[in-house]
PDB file of all heavy atoms in Angstrom:
ATOM      1  N   ALA A   1    -147.607-173.316 -19.439  1.00  0.00           N
ATOM      2  CA  ALA A   1    -148.974-172.846 -19.258  1.00  0.00           C
ATOM      3  C   ALA A   1    -149.884-173.950 -18.732  1.00  0.00           C
ATOM      4  O   ALA A   1    -149.623-175.137 -18.926  1.00  0.00           O
ATOM      5  CB  ALA A   1    -149.532-172.313 -20.578  1.00  0.00           C
ATOM      6  N   ARG A   2    -150.962-173.537 -18.061  1.00  0.00           N
ATOM      7  CA  ARG A   2    -151.968-174.495 -17.601  1.00  0.00           C
ATOM      8  C   ARG A   2    -152.769-175.037 -18.768  1.00  0.00           C
ATOM      9  O   ARG A   2    -153.168-176.201 -18.776  1.00  0.00           O
ATOM     10  CB  ARG A   2    -152.920-173.793 -16.605  1.00  0.00           C
ATOM     11  CG  ARG A   2    -153.867-174.737 -15.882  1.00  0.00           C
ATOM     12  CD  ARG A   2    -153.117-175.569 -14.867  1.00  0.00           C
ATOM     13  NE  ARG A   2    -153.998-176.432 -14.101  1.00  0.00           N
ATOM     14  CZ  ARG A   2    -153.970-177.764 -14.166  1.00  0.00           C
ATOM     15  NH1 ARG A   2    -153.137-178.365 -14.989  1.00  0.00           N
ATOM     16  NH2 ARG A   2    -154.761-178.497 -13.413  1.00  0.00           N
ATOM     17  N   ALA A   3    -153.020-174.188 -19.756  1.00  0.00           N
ATOM     18  CA  ALA A   3    -153.806-174.583 -20.917  1.00  0.00           C
ATOM     19  C   ALA A   3    -153.571-173.584 -22.034  1.00  0.00           C
ATOM     20  O   ALA A   3    -153.041-172.490 -21.813  1.00  0.00           O
ATOM     21  CB  ALA A   3    -155.296-174.650 -20.562  1.00  0.00           C
ATOM     22  N   GLY A   4    -153.980-173.972 -23.248  1.00  0.00           N
ATOM     23  CA  GLY A   4    -153.980-173.075 -24.390  1.00  0.00           C
ATOM     24  C   GLY A   4    -155.365-173.105 -25.012  1.00  0.00           C
ATOM     25  O   GLY A   4    -156.033-174.144 -24.994  1.00  0.00           O
ATOM     26  N   MET A   5    -155.801-171.983 -25.566  1.00  0.00           N
ATOM     27  CA  MET A   5    -157.161-171.893 -26.098  1.00  0.00           C
ATOM     28  C   MET A   5    -157.189-171.046 -27.367  1.00  0.00           C
ATOM     29  O   MET A   5    -156.402-170.109 -27.522  1.00  0.00           O
ATOM     30  CB  MET A   5    -158.109-171.249 -25.076  1.00  0.00           C
ATOM     31  CG  MET A   5    -158.084-171.867 -23.697  1.00  0.00           C
ATOM     32  SD  MET A   5    -159.141-170.960 -22.520  1.00  0.00           S
ATOM     33  CE  MET A   5    -160.744-171.572 -23.003  1.00  0.00           C
ATOM     34  N   VAL A   6    -158.134-171.387 -28.244  1.00  0.00           N
ATOM     35  CA  VAL A   6    -158.458-170.562 -29.404  1.00  0.00           C
ATOM     36  C   VAL A   6    -159.970-170.416 -29.435  1.00  0.00           C
ATOM     37  O   VAL A   6    -160.702-171.407 -29.290  1.00  0.00           O
ATOM     38  CB  VAL A   6    -157.973-171.199 -30.721  1.00  0.00           C
ATOM     39  CG1 VAL A   6    -158.424-170.362 -31.925  1.00  0.00           C
ATOM     40  CG2 VAL A   6    -156.458-171.362 -30.724  1.00  0.00           C
ATOM     41  N   ALA A   7    -160.459-169.215 -29.586  1.00  0.00           N
ATOM     42  CA  ALA A   7    -161.908-169.000 -29.596  1.00  0.00           C
ATOM     43  C   ALA A   7    -162.532-169.704 -30.795  1.00  0.00           C
ATOM     44  O   ALA A   7    -161.978-169.695 -31.894  1.00  0.00           O
ATOM     45  CB  ALA A   7    -162.214-167.505 -29.647  1.00  0.00           C
ATOM     46  N   PRO A   8    -163.698-170.318 -30.622  1.00  0.00           N
ATOM     47  CA  PRO A   8    -164.344-171.022 -31.732  1.00  0.00           C
ATOM     48  C   PRO A   8    -164.854-170.051 -32.791  1.00  0.00           C
ATOM     49  O   PRO A   8    -165.256-168.933 -32.489  1.00  0.00           O
ATOM     50  CB  PRO A   8    -165.496-171.757 -31.043  1.00  0.00           C
ATOM     51  CG  PRO A   8    -165.798-170.945 -29.822  1.00  0.00           C
ATOM     52  CD  PRO A   8    -164.478-170.400 -29.370  1.00  0.00           C
ATOM     53  N   ASP A   9    -164.823-170.501 -34.033  1.00  0.00           N
ATOM     54  CA  ASP A   9    -165.329-169.708 -35.159  1.00  0.00           C
ATOM     55  C   ASP A   9    -165.832-170.677 -36.228  1.00  0.00           C
ATOM     56  O   ASP A   9    -166.002-171.871 -35.965  1.00  0.00           O
ATOM     57  CB  ASP A   9    -164.248-168.772 -35.705  1.00  0.00           C
ATOM     58  CG  ASP A   9    -162.986-169.509 -36.159  1.00  0.00           C
ATOM     59  OD1 ASP A   9    -163.023-170.753 -36.286  1.00  0.00           O
ATOM     60  OD2 ASP A   9    -161.960-168.852 -36.403  1.00  0.00           O
ATOM     61  N   ASP A  10    -166.078-170.189 -37.422  1.00  0.00           N
ATOM     62  CA  ASP A  10    -166.636-171.036 -38.470  1.00  0.00           C
ATOM     63  C   ASP A  10    -165.712-172.212 -38.802  1.00  0.00           C
ATOM     64  O   ASP A  10    -166.176-173.296 -39.182  1.00  0.00           O
ATOM     65  CB  ASP A  10    -166.917-170.219 -39.725  1.00  0.00           C
ATOM     66  CG  ASP A  10    -168.135-169.310 -39.559  1.00  0.00           C
ATOM     67  OD1 ASP A  10    -168.939-169.550 -38.633  1.00  0.00           O
ATOM     68  OD2 ASP A  10    -168.281-168.361 -40.356  1.00  0.00           O
ATOM     69  N   THR A  11    -164.399-172.006 -38.685  1.00  0.00           N
ATOM     70  CA  THR A  11    -163.460-173.113 -38.912  1.00  0.00           C
ATOM     71  C   THR A  11    -163.720-174.242 -37.926  1.00  0.00           C
ATOM     72  O   THR A  11    -163.729-175.425 -38.296  1.00  0.00           O
ATOM     73  CB  THR A  11    -162.009-172.615 -38.775  1.00  0.00           C
ATOM     74  OG1 THR A  11    -161.759-171.604 -39.763  1.00  0.00           O
ATOM     75  CG2 THR A  11    -161.008-173.747 -38.962  1.00  0.00           C
ATOM     76  N   THR A  12    -163.962-173.879 -36.670  1.00  0.00           N
ATOM     77  CA  THR A  12    -164.277-174.856 -35.631  1.00  0.00           C
ATOM     78  C   THR A  12    -165.565-175.591 -35.952  1.00  0.00           C
ATOM     79  O   THR A  12    -165.639-176.822 -35.873  1.00  0.00           O
ATOM     80  CB  THR A  12    -164.429-174.150 -34.267  1.00  0.00           C
ATOM     81  OG1 THR A  12    -163.424-173.152 -34.127  1.00  0.00           O
ATOM     82  CG2 THR A  12    -164.364-175.143 -33.126  1.00  0.00           C
ATOM     83  N   PHE A  13    -166.592-174.822 -36.292  1.00  0.00           N
ATOM     84  CA  PHE A  13    -167.912-175.402 -36.507  1.00  0.00           C
ATOM     85  C   PHE A  13    -167.923-176.331 -37.726  1.00  0.00           C
ATOM     86  O   PHE A  13    -168.557-177.388 -37.708  1.00  0.00           O
ATOM     87  CB  PHE A  13    -168.958-174.302 -36.658  1.00  0.00           C
ATOM     88  CG  PHE A  13    -168.909-173.262 -35.559  1.00  0.00           C
ATOM     89  CD1 PHE A  13    -169.197-171.928 -35.835  1.00  0.00           C
ATOM     90  CD2 PHE A  13    -168.555-173.614 -34.251  1.00  0.00           C
ATOM     91  CE1 PHE A  13    -169.140-170.972 -34.833  1.00  0.00           C
ATOM     92  CE2 PHE A  13    -168.497-172.657 -33.243  1.00  0.00           C
ATOM     93  CZ  PHE A  13    -168.790-171.335 -33.539  1.00  0.00           C
ATOM     94  N   GLU A  14    -167.209-175.938 -38.780  1.00  0.00           N
ATOM     95  CA  GLU A  14    -167.142-176.785 -39.973  1.00  0.00           C
ATOM     96  C   GLU A  14    -166.440-178.101 -39.679  1.00  0.00           C
ATOM     97  O   GLU A  14    -166.811-179.156 -40.208  1.00  0.00           O
ATOM     98  CB  GLU A  14    -166.425-176.035 -41.105  1.00  0.00           C
ATOM     99  CG  GLU A  14    -167.255-174.889 -41.683  1.00  0.00           C
ATOM    100  CD  GLU A  14    -166.442-173.976 -42.579  1.00  0.00           C
ATOM    101  OE1 GLU A  14    -165.282-174.358 -42.908  1.00  0.00           O
ATOM    102  OE2 GLU A  14    -166.938-172.896 -42.948  1.00  0.00           O
ATOM    103  N   TYR A  15    -165.414-178.047 -38.819  1.00  0.00           N
ATOM    104  CA  TYR A  15    -164.709-179.270 -38.429  1.00  0.00           C
ATOM    105  C   TYR A  15    -165.633-180.206 -37.653  1.00  0.00           C
ATOM    106  O   TYR A  15    -165.641-181.424 -37.861  1.00  0.00           O
ATOM    107  CB  TYR A  15    -163.477-178.919 -37.592  1.00  0.00           C
ATOM    108  CG  TYR A  15    -162.682-180.127 -37.116  1.00  0.00           C
ATOM    109  CD1 TYR A  15    -161.563-180.566 -37.812  1.00  0.00           C
ATOM    110  CD2 TYR A  15    -163.047-180.825 -35.959  1.00  0.00           C
ATOM    111  CE1 TYR A  15    -160.830-181.668 -37.381  1.00  0.00           C
ATOM    112  CE2 TYR A  15    -162.328-181.932 -35.522  1.00  0.00           C
ATOM    113  CZ  TYR A  15    -161.224-182.344 -36.235  1.00  0.00           C
ATOM    114  OH  TYR A  15    -160.511-183.438 -35.808  1.00  0.00           O
ATOM    115  N   LEU A  16    -166.423-179.645 -36.742  1.00  0.00           N
ATOM    116  CA  LEU A  16    -167.264-180.459 -35.860  1.00  0.00           C
ATOM    117  C   LEU A  16    -168.528-180.990 -36.537  1.00  0.00           C
ATOM    118  O   LEU A  16    -169.078-182.015 -36.113  1.00  0.00           O
ATOM    119  CB  LEU A  16    -167.669-179.643 -34.634  1.00  0.00           C
ATOM    120  CG  LEU A  16    -166.602-179.453 -33.559  1.00  0.00           C
ATOM    121  CD1 LEU A  16    -167.074-178.458 -32.516  1.00  0.00           C
ATOM    122  CD2 LEU A  16    -166.267-180.790 -32.904  1.00  0.00           C
ATOM    123  N   ALA A  17    -168.991-180.313 -37.556  1.00  0.00           N
ATOM    124  CA  ALA A  17    -170.250-180.701 -38.195  1.00  0.00           C
ATOM    125  C   ALA A  17    -170.207-182.152 -38.646  1.00  0.00           C
ATOM    126  O   ALA A  17    -169.263-182.587 -39.320  1.00  0.00           O
ATOM    127  CB  ALA A  17    -170.535-179.783 -39.384  1.00  0.00           C
ATOM    128  N   ASN A  18    -171.221-182.911 -38.222  1.00  0.00           N
ATOM    129  CA  ASN A  18    -171.398-184.316 -38.608  1.00  0.00           C
ATOM    130  C   ASN A  18    -170.368-185.271 -38.015  1.00  0.00           C
ATOM    131  O   ASN A  18    -170.282-186.432 -38.440  1.00  0.00           O
ATOM    132  CB  ASN A  18    -171.405-184.465 -40.139  1.00  0.00           C
ATOM    133  CG  ASN A  18    -172.535-183.683 -40.781  1.00  0.00           C
ATOM    134  OD1 ASN A  18    -173.672-183.723 -40.311  1.00  0.00           O
ATOM    135  ND2 ASN A  18    -172.218-182.950 -41.840  1.00  0.00           N
ATOM    136  N   ARG A  19    -169.573-184.795 -37.033  1.00  0.00           N
ATOM    137  CA  ARG A  19    -168.719-185.737 -36.294  1.00  0.00           C
ATOM    138  C   ARG A  19    -169.631-186.686 -35.498  1.00  0.00           C
ATOM    139  O   ARG A  19    -170.738-186.298 -35.087  1.00  0.00           O
ATOM    140  CB  ARG A  19    -167.786-184.991 -35.354  1.00  0.00           C
ATOM    141  CG  ARG A  19    -166.779-184.085 -36.060  1.00  0.00           C
ATOM    142  CD  ARG A  19    -165.584-184.846 -36.552  1.00  0.00           C
ATOM    143  NE  ARG A  19    -164.757-184.038 -37.443  1.00  0.00           N
ATOM    144  CZ  ARG A  19    -163.640-184.466 -38.013  1.00  0.00           C
ATOM    145  NH1 ARG A  19    -163.220-185.701 -37.775  1.00  0.00           N
ATOM    146  NH2 ARG A  19    -162.960-183.695 -38.830  1.00  0.00           N
ATOM    147  N   PRO A  20    -169.186-187.918 -35.245  1.00  0.00           N
ATOM    148  CA  PRO A  20    -170.068-188.904 -34.608  1.00  0.00           C
ATOM    149  C   PRO A  20    -170.715-188.442 -33.306  1.00  0.00           C
ATOM    150  O   PRO A  20    -171.893-188.740 -33.058  1.00  0.00           O
ATOM    151  CB  PRO A  20    -169.130-190.090 -34.368  1.00  0.00           C
ATOM    152  CG  PRO A  20    -168.099-189.980 -35.449  1.00  0.00           C
ATOM    153  CD  PRO A  20    -167.892-188.513 -35.636  1.00  0.00           C
ATOM    154  N   ARG A  21    -169.996-187.708 -32.461  1.00  0.00           N
ATOM    155  CA  ARG A  21    -170.550-187.318 -31.163  1.00  0.00           C
ATOM    156  C   ARG A  21    -170.969-185.853 -31.110  1.00  0.00           C
ATOM    157  O   ARG A  21    -171.314-185.348 -30.036  1.00  0.00           O
ATOM    158  CB  ARG A  21    -169.535-187.600 -30.055  1.00  0.00           C
ATOM    159  CG  ARG A  21    -169.087-189.055 -29.999  1.00  0.00           C
ATOM    160  CD  ARG A  21    -170.253-189.992 -29.711  1.00  0.00           C
ATOM    161  NE  ARG A  21    -169.822-191.379 -29.731  1.00  0.00           N
ATOM    162  CZ  ARG A  21    -169.267-192.004 -28.711  1.00  0.00           C
ATOM    163  NH1 ARG A  21    -169.073-191.356 -27.562  1.00  0.00           N
ATOM    164  NH2 ARG A  21    -168.895-193.251 -28.813  1.00  0.00           N
ATOM    165  N   ALA A  22    -170.899-185.144 -32.209  1.00  0.00           N
ATOM    166  CA  ALA A  22    -171.338-183.748 -32.231  1.00  0.00           C
ATOM    167  C   ALA A  22    -172.857-183.688 -32.225  1.00  0.00           C
ATOM    168  O   ALA A  22    -173.527-184.627 -32.656  1.00  0.00           O
ATOM    169  CB  ALA A  22    -170.792-183.049 -33.470  1.00  0.00           C
ATOM    170  N   PRO A  23    -173.436-182.603 -31.722  1.00  0.00           N
ATOM    171  CA  PRO A  23    -174.893-182.461 -31.754  1.00  0.00           C
ATOM    172  C   PRO A  23    -175.406-182.489 -33.188  1.00  0.00           C
ATOM    173  O   PRO A  23    -174.686-182.139 -34.130  1.00  0.00           O
ATOM    174  CB  PRO A  23    -175.125-181.089 -31.109  1.00  0.00           C
ATOM    175  CG  PRO A  23    -173.867-180.763 -30.384  1.00  0.00           C
ATOM    176  CD  PRO A  23    -172.768-181.437 -31.118  1.00  0.00           C
ATOM    177  N   ARG A  24    -176.688-182.861 -33.349  1.00  0.00           N
ATOM    178  CA  ARG A  24    -177.305-182.904 -34.679  1.00  0.00           C
ATOM    179  C   ARG A  24    -178.680-182.246 -34.652  1.00  0.00           C
ATOM    180  O   ARG A  24    -179.295-182.134 -33.594  1.00  0.00           O
ATOM    181  CB  ARG A  24    -177.423-184.348 -35.158  1.00  0.00           C
ATOM    182  CG  ARG A  24    -176.086-185.025 -35.431  1.00  0.00           C
ATOM    183  CD  ARG A  24    -176.251-186.463 -35.893  1.00  0.00           C
ATOM    184  NE  ARG A  24    -174.962-187.095 -36.112  1.00  0.00           N
ATOM    185  CZ  ARG A  24    -174.273-187.047 -37.261  1.00  0.00           C
ATOM    186  NH1 ARG A  24    -174.786-186.383 -38.293  1.00  0.00           N
ATOM    187  NH2 ARG A  24    -173.113-187.641 -37.386  1.00  0.00           N
ATOM    188  N   GLY A  25    -179.132-181.831 -35.805  1.00  0.00           N
ATOM    189  CA  GLY A  25    -180.464-181.274 -35.924  1.00  0.00           C
ATOM    190  C   GLY A  25    -180.647-180.017 -35.084  1.00  0.00           C
ATOM    191  O   GLY A  25    -179.809-179.109 -35.086  1.00  0.00           O
ATOM    192  N   GLU A  26    -181.754-179.972 -34.342  1.00  0.00           N
ATOM    193  CA  GLU A  26    -182.039-178.812 -33.501  1.00  0.00           C
ATOM    194  C   GLU A  26    -180.995-178.642 -32.402  1.00  0.00           C
ATOM    195  O   GLU A  26    -180.678-177.506 -32.014  1.00  0.00           O
ATOM    196  CB  GLU A  26    -183.433-178.952 -32.881  1.00  0.00           C
ATOM    197  CG  GLU A  26    -184.571-178.856 -33.893  1.00  0.00           C
ATOM    198  CD  GLU A  26    -185.927-178.923 -33.224  1.00  0.00           C
ATOM    199  OE1 GLU A  26    -185.975-178.999 -31.982  1.00  0.00           O
ATOM    200  OE2 GLU A  26    -186.952-178.910 -33.950  1.00  0.00           O
ATOM    201  N   ALA A  27    -180.454-179.753 -31.922  1.00  0.00           N
ATOM    202  CA  ALA A  27    -179.415-179.666 -30.890  1.00  0.00           C
ATOM    203  C   ALA A  27    -178.175-178.957 -31.442  1.00  0.00           C
ATOM    204  O   ALA A  27    -177.517-178.193 -30.730  1.00  0.00           O
ATOM    205  CB  ALA A  27    -179.053-181.057 -30.385  1.00  0.00           C
ATOM    206  N   TRP A  28    -177.854-179.196 -32.728  1.00  0.00           N
ATOM    207  CA  TRP A  28    -176.727-178.506 -33.357  1.00  0.00           C
ATOM    208  C   TRP A  28    -177.008-177.008 -33.447  1.00  0.00           C
ATOM    209  O   TRP A  28    -176.127-176.188 -33.145  1.00  0.00           O
ATOM    210  CB  TRP A  28    -176.477-179.082 -34.742  1.00  0.00           C
ATOM    211  CG  TRP A  28    -175.456-178.323 -35.549  1.00  0.00           C
ATOM    212  CD1 TRP A  28    -175.705-177.407 -36.515  1.00  0.00           C
ATOM    213  CD2 TRP A  28    -174.030-178.414 -35.436  1.00  0.00           C
ATOM    214  NE1 TRP A  28    -174.523-176.916 -37.033  1.00  0.00           N
ATOM    215  CE2 TRP A  28    -173.477-177.518 -36.389  1.00  0.00           C
ATOM    216  CE3 TRP A  28    -173.159-179.168 -34.640  1.00  0.00           C
ATOM    217  CZ2 TRP A  28    -172.099-177.357 -36.553  1.00  0.00           C
ATOM    218  CZ3 TRP A  28    -171.780-179.008 -34.804  1.00  0.00           C
ATOM    219  CH2 TRP A  28    -171.268-178.111 -35.743  1.00  0.00           C
ATOM    220  N   ASP A  29    -178.198-176.637 -33.831  1.00  0.00           N
ATOM    221  CA  ASP A  29    -178.550-175.219 -33.940  1.00  0.00           C
ATOM    222  C   ASP A  29    -178.444-174.527 -32.585  1.00  0.00           C
ATOM    223  O   ASP A  29    -177.937-173.396 -32.490  1.00  0.00           O
ATOM    224  CB  ASP A  29    -179.969-175.065 -34.490  1.00  0.00           C
ATOM    225  CG  ASP A  29    -180.098-175.579 -35.920  1.00  0.00           C
ATOM    226  OD1 ASP A  29    -179.078-175.595 -36.633  1.00  0.00           O
ATOM    227  OD2 ASP A  29    -181.214-175.958 -36.322  1.00  0.00           O
ATOM    228  N   ARG A  30    -178.915-175.191 -31.532  1.00  0.00           N
ATOM    229  CA  ARG A  30    -178.823-174.605 -30.187  1.00  0.00           C
ATOM    230  C   ARG A  30    -177.370-174.489 -29.742  1.00  0.00           C
ATOM    231  O   ARG A  30    -176.966-173.486 -29.140  1.00  0.00           O
ATOM    232  CB  ARG A  30    -179.605-175.446 -29.181  1.00  0.00           C
ATOM    233  CG  ARG A  30    -181.126-175.383 -29.357  1.00  0.00           C
ATOM    234  CD  ARG A  30    -181.831-175.966 -28.156  1.00  0.00           C
ATOM    235  NE  ARG A  30    -181.490-177.371 -27.936  1.00  0.00           N
ATOM    236  CZ  ARG A  30    -182.144-178.390 -28.477  1.00  0.00           C
ATOM    237  NH1 ARG A  30    -183.176-178.169 -29.290  1.00  0.00           N
ATOM    238  NH2 ARG A  30    -181.779-179.640 -28.225  1.00  0.00           N
ATOM    239  N   ALA A  31    -176.582-175.515 -30.070  1.00  0.00           N
ATOM    240  CA  ALA A  31    -175.172-175.486 -29.699  1.00  0.00           C
ATOM    241  C   ALA A  31    -174.449-174.338 -30.395  1.00  0.00           C
ATOM    242  O   ALA A  31    -173.645-173.624 -29.778  1.00  0.00           O
ATOM    243  CB  ALA A  31    -174.520-176.821 -30.048  1.00  0.00           C
ATOM    244  N   LEU A  32    -174.732-174.132 -31.686  1.00  0.00           N
ATOM    245  CA  LEU A  32    -174.086-173.035 -32.418  1.00  0.00           C
ATOM    246  C   LEU A  32    -174.399-171.690 -31.790  1.00  0.00           C
ATOM    247  O   LEU A  32    -173.506-170.827 -31.661  1.00  0.00           O
ATOM    248  CB  LEU A  32    -174.545-173.042 -33.879  1.00  0.00           C
ATOM    249  CG  LEU A  32    -173.803-173.941 -34.858  1.00  0.00           C
ATOM    250  CD1 LEU A  32    -174.371-173.770 -36.256  1.00  0.00           C
ATOM    251  CD2 LEU A  32    -172.308-173.641 -34.860  1.00  0.00           C
ATOM    252  N   LEU A  33    -175.629-171.482 -31.405  1.00  0.00           N
ATOM    253  CA  LEU A  33    -175.995-170.218 -30.757  1.00  0.00           C
ATOM    254  C   LEU A  33    -175.189-170.004 -29.493  1.00  0.00           C
ATOM    255  O   LEU A  33    -174.724-168.890 -29.203  1.00  0.00           O
ATOM    256  CB  LEU A  33    -177.498-170.204 -30.449  1.00  0.00           C
ATOM    257  CG  LEU A  33    -178.443-170.084 -31.648  1.00  0.00           C
ATOM    258  CD1 LEU A  33    -179.890-170.232 -31.193  1.00  0.00           C
ATOM    259  CD2 LEU A  33    -178.240-168.739 -32.353  1.00  0.00           C
ATOM    260  N   ARG A  34    -175.019-171.072 -28.730  1.00  0.00           N
ATOM    261  CA  ARG A  34    -174.259-170.978 -27.476  1.00  0.00           C
ATOM    262  C   ARG A  34    -172.772-170.777 -27.749  1.00  0.00           C
ATOM    263  O   ARG A  34    -172.113-169.950 -27.117  1.00  0.00           O
ATOM    264  CB  ARG A  34    -174.487-172.259 -26.662  1.00  0.00           C
ATOM    265  CG  ARG A  34    -173.857-172.249 -25.269  1.00  0.00           C
ATOM    266  CD  ARG A  34    -174.293-173.458 -24.472  1.00  0.00           C
ATOM    267  NE  ARG A  34    -173.769-174.721 -25.036  1.00  0.00           N
ATOM    268  CZ  ARG A  34    -174.475-175.605 -25.693  1.00  0.00           C
ATOM    269  NH1 ARG A  34    -175.763-175.383 -25.929  1.00  0.00           N
ATOM    270  NH2 ARG A  34    -173.935-176.715 -26.159  1.00  0.00           N
ATOM    271  N   TRP A  35    -172.240-171.530 -28.722  1.00  0.00           N
ATOM    272  CA  TRP A  35    -170.809-171.442 -29.009  1.00  0.00           C
ATOM    273  C   TRP A  35    -170.412-170.073 -29.543  1.00  0.00           C
ATOM    274  O   TRP A  35    -169.306-169.596 -29.292  1.00  0.00           O
ATOM    275  CB  TRP A  35    -170.420-172.520 -30.035  1.00  0.00           C
ATOM    276  CG  TRP A  35    -170.594-173.931 -29.517  1.00  0.00           C
ATOM    277  CD1 TRP A  35    -170.740-174.327 -28.216  1.00  0.00           C
ATOM    278  CD2 TRP A  35    -170.651-175.127 -30.305  1.00  0.00           C
ATOM    279  NE1 TRP A  35    -170.878-175.698 -28.150  1.00  0.00           N
ATOM    280  CE2 TRP A  35    -170.830-176.213 -29.405  1.00  0.00           C
ATOM    281  CE3 TRP A  35    -170.580-175.398 -31.675  1.00  0.00           C
ATOM    282  CZ2 TRP A  35    -170.916-177.549 -29.838  1.00  0.00           C
ATOM    283  CZ3 TRP A  35    -170.667-176.714 -32.114  1.00  0.00           C
ATOM    284  CH2 TRP A  35    -170.825-177.772 -31.194  1.00  0.00           C
ATOM    285  N   ARG A  36    -171.317-169.422 -30.262  1.00  0.00           N
ATOM    286  CA  ARG A  36    -170.980-168.112 -30.829  1.00  0.00           C
ATOM    287  C   ARG A  36    -170.888-167.015 -29.763  1.00  0.00           C
ATOM    288  O   ARG A  36    -170.389-165.925 -30.045  1.00  0.00           O
ATOM    289  CB  ARG A  36    -171.999-167.727 -31.904  1.00  0.00           C
ATOM    290  CG  ARG A  36    -171.929-168.601 -33.157  1.00  0.00           C
ATOM    291  CD  ARG A  36    -172.827-168.081 -34.267  1.00  0.00           C
ATOM    292  NE  ARG A  36    -172.921-169.004 -35.392  1.00  0.00           N
ATOM    293  CZ  ARG A  36    -172.017-169.107 -36.356  1.00  0.00           C
ATOM    294  NH1 ARG A  36    -170.945-168.317 -36.335  1.00  0.00           N
ATOM    295  NH2 ARG A  36    -172.183-169.968 -37.354  1.00  0.00           N
ATOM    296  N   THR A  37    -171.350-167.296 -28.555  1.00  0.00           N
ATOM    297  CA  THR A  37    -171.237-166.316 -27.475  1.00  0.00           C
ATOM    298  C   THR A  37    -169.922-166.437 -26.713  1.00  0.00           C
ATOM    299  O   THR A  37    -169.636-165.612 -25.845  1.00  0.00           O
ATOM    300  CB  THR A  37    -172.393-166.481 -26.462  1.00  0.00           C
ATOM    301  OG1 THR A  37    -172.240-167.717 -25.742  1.00  0.00           O
ATOM    302  CG2 THR A  37    -173.747-166.458 -27.160  1.00  0.00           C
TER     303      THR A  37
END
């Protein structure tokens, strides 16, 4: 295959929360809205 993918969900978001390069604060809230689409 060219690539493999899994759609993001709460498991994804919990993993990313507070990672050094993940968005924070309002940027995190905006990112979550976008990722859920």
